[in-house]
């Protein structure tokens, strides 16, 4: 078991190591579409890469409809394992619409033996998400 401080240090070490191992400027929050962002997530039992649509349902709905129309392309040409969730609610957070790809392997940010797999997964999956976004941004924006 790790103390809060030890856990915080491990998390910081992971993200620093990821940045050094895979130096690249990611789009993440700079999509230029209000409420649409890309996210990395890694905790004590899972890792995933996500495209989130945040805001009210009225704000999200038109973007979600356009993303759903692109679903076959995303699944066939970019990320066949992507999961679409129109009403995703992360623990202690507001509802959002999310397209995400989980790492199908047991990992933990507290286990350095799993870090390399997670880093590689993050890099490859986010690269594909960003490629899809760049290729279809005009259609997503409407």
N, C-alpha and C. Protein backbone atom coordinates (compact mmCIF):
# COMPACT_ATOMS: atom_id res chain seq x y z
N UNK A 1 0.84 -1.18 0.00
CA UNK A 1 0.00 0.00 0.00
C UNK A 1 0.88 1.24 0.00
N UNK A 2 0.42 2.25 -0.69
CA UNK A 2 1.19 3.48 -0.79
C UNK A 2 0.49 4.61 -0.05
N UNK A 3 1.27 5.47 0.57
CA UNK A 3 0.70 6.67 1.20
C UNK A 3 0.26 7.62 0.08
N UNK A 4 -0.53 8.62 0.44
CA UNK A 4 -0.96 9.61 -0.55
C UNK A 4 0.24 10.28 -1.20
N UNK A 5 1.23 10.60 -0.40
CA UNK A 5 2.41 11.28 -0.91
C UNK A 5 3.20 10.37 -1.86
N UNK A 6 3.35 9.09 -1.49
CA UNK A 6 4.06 8.15 -2.36
C UNK A 6 3.30 7.95 -3.67
N UNK A 7 1.98 7.85 -3.58
CA UNK A 7 1.16 7.70 -4.77
C UNK A 7 1.29 8.93 -5.67
N UNK A 8 1.26 10.10 -5.07
CA UNK A 8 1.41 11.34 -5.83
C UNK A 8 2.76 11.38 -6.53
N UNK A 9 3.81 10.96 -5.84
CA UNK A 9 5.15 10.95 -6.44
C UNK A 9 5.22 9.97 -7.61
N UNK A 10 4.62 8.80 -7.45
CA UNK A 10 4.62 7.81 -8.54
C UNK A 10 3.87 8.35 -9.75
N UNK A 11 2.72 8.98 -9.53
CA UNK A 11 1.96 9.56 -10.63
C UNK A 11 2.80 10.62 -11.36
N UNK A 12 3.41 11.49 -10.59
CA UNK A 12 4.24 12.54 -11.18
C UNK A 12 5.41 11.91 -11.96
N UNK A 13 6.02 10.89 -11.39
CA UNK A 13 7.13 10.21 -12.07
C UNK A 13 6.67 9.56 -13.38
N UNK A 14 5.48 8.93 -13.35
CA UNK A 14 4.97 8.33 -14.57
C UNK A 14 4.80 9.37 -15.66
N UNK A 15 4.09 10.47 -15.36
CA UNK A 15 3.78 11.46 -16.39
C UNK A 15 5.05 12.15 -16.89
N UNK A 16 6.01 12.37 -16.01
CA UNK A 16 7.29 12.95 -16.43
C UNK A 16 8.03 11.98 -17.35
N UNK A 17 8.03 10.71 -16.96
CA UNK A 17 8.69 9.69 -17.76
C UNK A 17 8.01 9.53 -19.13
N UNK A 18 6.69 9.58 -19.14
CA UNK A 18 5.95 9.49 -20.40
C UNK A 18 6.33 10.65 -21.32
N UNK A 19 6.36 11.85 -20.78
CA UNK A 19 6.72 13.03 -21.57
C UNK A 19 8.12 12.96 -22.13
N UNK A 20 9.03 12.40 -21.36
CA UNK A 20 10.42 12.27 -21.83
C UNK A 20 10.57 11.13 -22.83
N UNK A 21 9.84 10.04 -22.61
CA UNK A 21 9.95 8.88 -23.50
C UNK A 21 9.25 9.11 -24.84
N UNK A 22 8.18 9.89 -24.81
CA UNK A 22 7.39 10.15 -26.01
C UNK A 22 7.18 11.65 -26.16
N UNK A 23 8.24 12.40 -26.45
CA UNK A 23 8.10 13.85 -26.54
C UNK A 23 7.27 14.24 -27.75
N UNK A 24 6.15 14.84 -27.49
CA UNK A 24 5.26 15.25 -28.56
C UNK A 24 4.24 16.22 -28.00
N UNK A 25 3.84 17.16 -28.81
CA UNK A 25 2.79 18.09 -28.40
C UNK A 25 1.46 17.49 -28.83
N UNK A 26 0.64 17.12 -27.86
CA UNK A 26 -0.67 16.53 -28.12
C UNK A 26 -1.72 17.62 -28.23
N UNK A 27 -2.78 17.36 -28.98
CA UNK A 27 -3.89 18.32 -29.11
C UNK A 27 -4.58 18.49 -27.76
N UNK A 28 -4.94 17.41 -27.11
CA UNK A 28 -5.63 17.35 -25.83
C UNK A 28 -6.74 18.38 -25.70
N UNK A 29 -6.48 19.50 -25.02
CA UNK A 29 -7.53 20.50 -24.78
C UNK A 29 -7.58 21.58 -25.85
N UNK A 30 -6.72 21.51 -26.82
CA UNK A 30 -6.62 22.56 -27.83
C UNK A 30 -7.27 22.14 -29.15
N UNK A 31 -8.50 21.65 -29.08
CA UNK A 31 -9.20 21.18 -30.27
C UNK A 31 -9.89 22.32 -31.02
N UNK A 32 -10.05 23.45 -30.36
CA UNK A 32 -10.76 24.62 -30.90
C UNK A 32 -12.26 24.35 -31.05
N UNK A 33 -12.75 23.29 -30.41
CA UNK A 33 -14.18 23.02 -30.33
C UNK A 33 -14.53 23.04 -28.84
N UNK A 34 -15.38 23.98 -28.46
CA UNK A 34 -15.71 24.15 -27.05
C UNK A 34 -16.30 22.86 -26.48
N UNK A 35 -15.69 22.40 -25.39
CA UNK A 35 -16.18 21.21 -24.71
C UNK A 35 -15.63 19.90 -25.23
N UNK A 36 -14.87 19.92 -26.32
CA UNK A 36 -14.31 18.67 -26.86
C UNK A 36 -12.82 18.61 -26.51
N UNK A 37 -12.44 17.54 -25.84
CA UNK A 37 -11.04 17.37 -25.46
C UNK A 37 -10.65 15.91 -25.49
N UNK A 38 -9.35 15.68 -25.53
CA UNK A 38 -8.79 14.35 -25.48
C UNK A 38 -8.14 14.16 -24.12
N UNK A 39 -8.20 12.94 -23.59
CA UNK A 39 -7.67 12.71 -22.26
C UNK A 39 -6.97 11.36 -22.17
N UNK A 40 -5.89 11.38 -21.40
CA UNK A 40 -5.23 10.16 -20.97
C UNK A 40 -5.73 9.88 -19.55
N UNK A 41 -5.93 8.62 -19.23
CA UNK A 41 -6.31 8.26 -17.86
C UNK A 41 -5.55 7.01 -17.46
N UNK A 42 -4.91 7.06 -16.29
CA UNK A 42 -4.17 5.93 -15.76
C UNK A 42 -4.28 5.97 -14.25
N UNK A 43 -4.80 4.90 -13.66
CA UNK A 43 -4.94 4.84 -12.21
C UNK A 43 -4.42 3.50 -11.70
N UNK A 44 -4.91 3.08 -10.56
CA UNK A 44 -4.38 1.86 -9.94
C UNK A 44 -4.91 0.57 -10.54
N UNK A 45 -5.85 0.64 -11.50
CA UNK A 45 -6.32 -0.61 -12.10
C UNK A 45 -6.70 -0.51 -13.57
N UNK A 46 -6.49 0.64 -14.21
CA UNK A 46 -6.84 0.74 -15.62
C UNK A 46 -6.14 1.92 -16.29
N UNK A 47 -6.18 1.85 -17.62
CA UNK A 47 -5.66 2.95 -18.44
C UNK A 47 -6.58 3.08 -19.64
N UNK A 48 -6.80 4.32 -20.08
CA UNK A 48 -7.61 4.54 -21.27
C UNK A 48 -7.27 5.87 -21.89
N UNK A 49 -7.65 5.98 -23.15
CA UNK A 49 -7.55 7.23 -23.89
C UNK A 49 -8.96 7.58 -24.33
N UNK A 50 -9.34 8.86 -24.17
CA UNK A 50 -10.73 9.23 -24.44
C UNK A 50 -10.83 10.54 -25.21
N UNK A 51 -11.94 10.65 -25.93
CA UNK A 51 -12.37 11.90 -26.52
C UNK A 51 -13.66 12.25 -25.78
N UNK A 52 -13.65 13.35 -25.05
CA UNK A 52 -14.80 13.75 -24.24
C UNK A 52 -15.50 14.97 -24.82
N UNK A 53 -16.82 14.92 -24.77
CA UNK A 53 -17.66 16.08 -25.08
C UNK A 53 -18.31 16.48 -23.77
N UNK A 54 -17.98 17.66 -23.28
CA UNK A 54 -18.51 18.13 -22.01
C UNK A 54 -19.46 19.29 -22.25
N UNK A 55 -20.27 19.57 -21.25
CA UNK A 55 -21.24 20.65 -21.34
C UNK A 55 -22.65 20.09 -21.26
N UNK A 56 -23.60 20.96 -21.47
CA UNK A 56 -25.00 20.54 -21.39
C UNK A 56 -25.33 19.56 -22.52
N UNK A 57 -26.39 18.82 -22.33
CA UNK A 57 -26.83 17.88 -23.36
C UNK A 57 -27.15 18.62 -24.65
N UNK A 58 -27.75 19.80 -24.54
CA UNK A 58 -28.06 20.60 -25.73
C UNK A 58 -26.79 20.98 -26.49
N UNK A 59 -25.73 21.27 -25.76
CA UNK A 59 -24.45 21.62 -26.40
C UNK A 59 -23.82 20.38 -27.05
N UNK A 60 -23.87 19.24 -26.34
CA UNK A 60 -23.20 18.03 -26.80
C UNK A 60 -23.92 17.36 -27.97
N UNK A 61 -25.23 17.42 -27.98
CA UNK A 61 -26.04 16.64 -28.92
C UNK A 61 -25.64 16.79 -30.39
N UNK A 62 -25.48 18.01 -30.91
CA UNK A 62 -25.13 18.10 -32.35
C UNK A 62 -23.75 17.50 -32.66
N UNK A 63 -22.79 17.70 -31.76
CA UNK A 63 -21.47 17.12 -31.98
C UNK A 63 -21.54 15.60 -31.90
N UNK A 64 -22.31 15.10 -30.93
CA UNK A 64 -22.43 13.65 -30.77
C UNK A 64 -23.08 13.02 -32.01
N UNK A 65 -24.08 13.68 -32.54
CA UNK A 65 -24.74 13.17 -33.76
C UNK A 65 -23.74 13.08 -34.91
N UNK A 66 -22.91 14.10 -35.06
CA UNK A 66 -21.91 14.08 -36.13
C UNK A 66 -20.87 12.98 -35.88
N UNK A 67 -20.45 12.83 -34.61
CA UNK A 67 -19.50 11.76 -34.29
C UNK A 67 -20.12 10.39 -34.54
N UNK A 68 -21.40 10.23 -34.24
CA UNK A 68 -22.07 8.94 -34.50
C UNK A 68 -22.13 8.65 -36.00
N UNK A 69 -22.28 9.70 -36.80
CA UNK A 69 -22.29 9.48 -38.24
C UNK A 69 -20.91 9.04 -38.74
N UNK A 70 -19.87 9.38 -38.00
CA UNK A 70 -18.50 9.00 -38.35
C UNK A 70 -18.04 7.71 -37.66
N UNK A 71 -18.91 7.14 -36.84
CA UNK A 71 -18.56 5.94 -36.08
C UNK A 71 -18.03 4.81 -36.95
N UNK A 72 -18.68 4.47 -38.07
CA UNK A 72 -18.13 3.38 -38.90
C UNK A 72 -16.70 3.65 -39.37
N UNK A 73 -16.41 4.89 -39.69
CA UNK A 73 -15.06 5.24 -40.15
C UNK A 73 -14.06 5.11 -39.01
N UNK A 74 -14.41 5.64 -37.84
CA UNK A 74 -13.51 5.54 -36.69
C UNK A 74 -13.22 4.09 -36.35
N UNK A 75 -14.26 3.26 -36.35
CA UNK A 75 -14.09 1.85 -36.00
C UNK A 75 -13.35 1.05 -37.08
N UNK A 76 -13.61 1.35 -38.33
CA UNK A 76 -13.00 0.57 -39.41
C UNK A 76 -11.57 1.02 -39.76
N UNK A 77 -11.32 2.33 -39.69
CA UNK A 77 -10.04 2.83 -40.18
C UNK A 77 -9.06 3.28 -39.10
N UNK A 78 -9.54 3.50 -37.88
CA UNK A 78 -8.67 4.06 -36.84
C UNK A 78 -8.62 3.20 -35.58
N UNK A 79 -9.75 3.08 -34.89
CA UNK A 79 -9.77 2.44 -33.58
C UNK A 79 -10.92 1.44 -33.47
N UNK A 80 -10.72 0.21 -33.94
CA UNK A 80 -11.81 -0.77 -33.93
C UNK A 80 -12.32 -1.13 -32.54
N UNK A 81 -11.53 -0.88 -31.52
CA UNK A 81 -11.94 -1.22 -30.16
C UNK A 81 -12.58 -0.04 -29.40
N UNK A 82 -12.83 1.06 -30.09
CA UNK A 82 -13.42 2.25 -29.45
C UNK A 82 -14.82 1.95 -28.94
N UNK A 83 -15.12 2.52 -27.78
CA UNK A 83 -16.42 2.38 -27.13
C UNK A 83 -17.09 3.75 -27.13
N UNK A 84 -18.35 3.78 -27.53
CA UNK A 84 -19.12 5.02 -27.59
C UNK A 84 -20.11 5.04 -26.43
N UNK A 85 -20.08 6.10 -25.64
CA UNK A 85 -20.99 6.22 -24.50
C UNK A 85 -21.56 7.64 -24.48
N UNK A 86 -22.81 7.78 -24.88
CA UNK A 86 -23.44 9.10 -24.98
C UNK A 86 -23.66 9.75 -23.63
N UNK A 87 -23.77 8.95 -22.57
CA UNK A 87 -24.08 9.48 -21.24
C UNK A 87 -23.13 8.90 -20.19
N UNK A 88 -21.87 9.21 -20.33
CA UNK A 88 -20.85 8.70 -19.42
C UNK A 88 -20.74 9.62 -18.20
N UNK A 89 -20.70 9.03 -17.01
CA UNK A 89 -20.57 9.84 -15.78
C UNK A 89 -19.38 9.32 -14.98
N UNK A 90 -18.24 10.01 -15.07
CA UNK A 90 -17.09 9.61 -14.25
C UNK A 90 -17.41 9.85 -12.76
N UNK A 91 -16.76 9.09 -11.91
CA UNK A 91 -16.99 9.22 -10.48
C UNK A 91 -16.77 10.67 -10.01
N UNK A 92 -17.75 11.21 -9.34
CA UNK A 92 -17.71 12.56 -8.76
C UNK A 92 -17.56 13.67 -9.81
N UNK A 93 -18.01 13.42 -11.03
CA UNK A 93 -17.92 14.43 -12.08
C UNK A 93 -19.24 14.54 -12.82
N UNK A 94 -19.32 15.51 -13.70
CA UNK A 94 -20.54 15.73 -14.47
C UNK A 94 -20.62 14.79 -15.67
N UNK A 95 -21.84 14.54 -16.09
CA UNK A 95 -22.08 13.72 -17.26
C UNK A 95 -21.41 14.32 -18.49
N UNK A 96 -20.98 13.45 -19.36
CA UNK A 96 -20.37 13.84 -20.63
C UNK A 96 -20.65 12.76 -21.65
N UNK A 97 -20.35 13.02 -22.88
CA UNK A 97 -20.37 11.99 -23.92
C UNK A 97 -18.92 11.63 -24.17
N UNK A 98 -18.67 10.33 -24.31
CA UNK A 98 -17.28 9.89 -24.38
C UNK A 98 -17.12 8.78 -25.41
N UNK A 99 -16.03 8.90 -26.17
CA UNK A 99 -15.55 7.81 -27.01
C UNK A 99 -14.19 7.45 -26.41
N UNK A 100 -14.01 6.19 -26.07
CA UNK A 100 -12.77 5.83 -25.40
C UNK A 100 -12.28 4.44 -25.80
N UNK A 101 -11.00 4.26 -25.54
CA UNK A 101 -10.36 2.97 -25.79
C UNK A 101 -9.64 2.59 -24.50
N UNK A 102 -10.11 1.52 -23.84
CA UNK A 102 -9.41 1.05 -22.64
C UNK A 102 -8.27 0.10 -23.01
N UNK A 103 -7.24 0.11 -22.21
CA UNK A 103 -6.17 -0.86 -22.37
C UNK A 103 -6.68 -2.18 -21.81
N UNK A 104 -6.67 -3.21 -22.64
CA UNK A 104 -7.22 -4.52 -22.24
C UNK A 104 -6.15 -5.36 -21.55
N UNK A 105 -5.65 -4.84 -20.46
CA UNK A 105 -4.57 -5.50 -19.74
C UNK A 105 -4.58 -4.97 -18.31
N UNK A 106 -4.25 -5.81 -17.35
CA UNK A 106 -4.19 -5.35 -15.97
C UNK A 106 -2.94 -4.49 -15.77
N UNK A 107 -3.18 -3.25 -15.37
CA UNK A 107 -2.08 -2.31 -15.16
C UNK A 107 -2.36 -1.50 -13.89
N UNK A 108 -1.32 -0.88 -13.39
CA UNK A 108 -1.46 0.01 -12.24
C UNK A 108 -0.38 1.07 -12.29
N UNK A 109 -0.78 2.28 -12.00
CA UNK A 109 0.21 3.36 -11.97
C UNK A 109 1.20 3.15 -10.83
N UNK A 110 0.84 2.32 -9.87
CA UNK A 110 1.74 2.00 -8.76
C UNK A 110 2.72 0.88 -9.11
N UNK A 111 2.57 0.25 -10.26
CA UNK A 111 3.43 -0.86 -10.68
C UNK A 111 4.27 -0.43 -11.88
N UNK A 112 5.50 -0.08 -11.63
CA UNK A 112 6.38 0.40 -12.70
C UNK A 112 6.58 -0.62 -13.80
N UNK A 113 6.36 -1.89 -13.50
CA UNK A 113 6.51 -2.94 -14.51
C UNK A 113 5.48 -2.80 -15.63
N UNK A 114 4.38 -2.10 -15.37
CA UNK A 114 3.33 -1.93 -16.39
C UNK A 114 3.44 -0.60 -17.14
N UNK A 115 4.32 0.25 -16.71
CA UNK A 115 4.39 1.60 -17.29
C UNK A 115 4.71 1.58 -18.78
N UNK A 116 5.66 0.79 -19.21
CA UNK A 116 6.07 0.79 -20.61
C UNK A 116 4.89 0.42 -21.51
N UNK A 117 4.11 -0.59 -21.10
CA UNK A 117 2.93 -0.98 -21.88
C UNK A 117 1.92 0.16 -21.97
N UNK A 118 1.72 0.85 -20.86
CA UNK A 118 0.76 1.95 -20.84
C UNK A 118 1.26 3.10 -21.71
N UNK A 119 2.51 3.43 -21.61
CA UNK A 119 3.07 4.52 -22.42
C UNK A 119 2.92 4.23 -23.91
N UNK A 120 3.24 3.03 -24.30
CA UNK A 120 3.10 2.64 -25.70
C UNK A 120 1.64 2.69 -26.14
N UNK A 121 0.75 2.17 -25.32
CA UNK A 121 -0.68 2.22 -25.59
C UNK A 121 -1.15 3.67 -25.72
N UNK A 122 -0.76 4.53 -24.78
CA UNK A 122 -1.15 5.94 -24.85
C UNK A 122 -0.69 6.58 -26.15
N UNK A 123 0.57 6.37 -26.48
CA UNK A 123 1.13 7.00 -27.67
C UNK A 123 0.39 6.54 -28.93
N UNK A 124 0.26 5.24 -29.10
CA UNK A 124 -0.35 4.70 -30.31
C UNK A 124 -1.83 5.08 -30.42
N UNK A 125 -2.56 4.96 -29.31
CA UNK A 125 -3.99 5.21 -29.34
C UNK A 125 -4.29 6.69 -29.52
N UNK A 126 -3.59 7.56 -28.81
CA UNK A 126 -3.84 8.99 -28.97
C UNK A 126 -3.45 9.45 -30.36
N UNK A 127 -2.39 8.88 -30.91
CA UNK A 127 -1.99 9.23 -32.27
C UNK A 127 -3.12 8.93 -33.26
N UNK A 128 -3.77 7.79 -33.10
CA UNK A 128 -4.89 7.43 -33.98
C UNK A 128 -6.11 8.33 -33.73
N UNK A 129 -6.41 8.63 -32.47
CA UNK A 129 -7.50 9.55 -32.17
C UNK A 129 -7.25 10.91 -32.82
N UNK A 130 -6.04 11.41 -32.67
CA UNK A 130 -5.71 12.72 -33.25
C UNK A 130 -5.76 12.68 -34.78
N UNK A 131 -5.30 11.61 -35.38
CA UNK A 131 -5.37 11.49 -36.84
C UNK A 131 -6.82 11.53 -37.31
N UNK A 132 -7.68 10.78 -36.64
CA UNK A 132 -9.11 10.80 -36.96
C UNK A 132 -9.66 12.22 -36.82
N UNK A 133 -9.35 12.87 -35.71
CA UNK A 133 -9.85 14.22 -35.46
C UNK A 133 -9.37 15.19 -36.54
N UNK A 134 -8.11 15.15 -36.87
CA UNK A 134 -7.57 16.06 -37.89
C UNK A 134 -8.22 15.80 -39.25
N UNK A 135 -8.42 14.53 -39.58
CA UNK A 135 -9.02 14.18 -40.86
C UNK A 135 -10.51 14.58 -40.96
N UNK A 136 -11.21 14.58 -39.85
CA UNK A 136 -12.67 14.81 -39.87
C UNK A 136 -13.12 16.00 -39.03
N UNK A 137 -12.20 16.85 -38.63
CA UNK A 137 -12.55 17.99 -37.77
C UNK A 137 -13.63 18.86 -38.39
N UNK A 138 -13.54 19.13 -39.69
CA UNK A 138 -14.54 19.98 -40.34
C UNK A 138 -15.93 19.37 -40.24
N UNK A 139 -16.04 18.06 -40.36
CA UNK A 139 -17.34 17.39 -40.25
C UNK A 139 -17.83 17.38 -38.80
N UNK A 140 -16.92 17.25 -37.86
CA UNK A 140 -17.29 17.25 -36.44
C UNK A 140 -17.81 18.63 -36.03
N UNK A 141 -17.13 19.66 -36.50
CA UNK A 141 -17.54 21.05 -36.18
C UNK A 141 -18.89 21.38 -36.78
N UNK A 142 -19.17 20.82 -37.94
CA UNK A 142 -20.46 21.07 -38.60
C UNK A 142 -20.39 22.19 -39.51
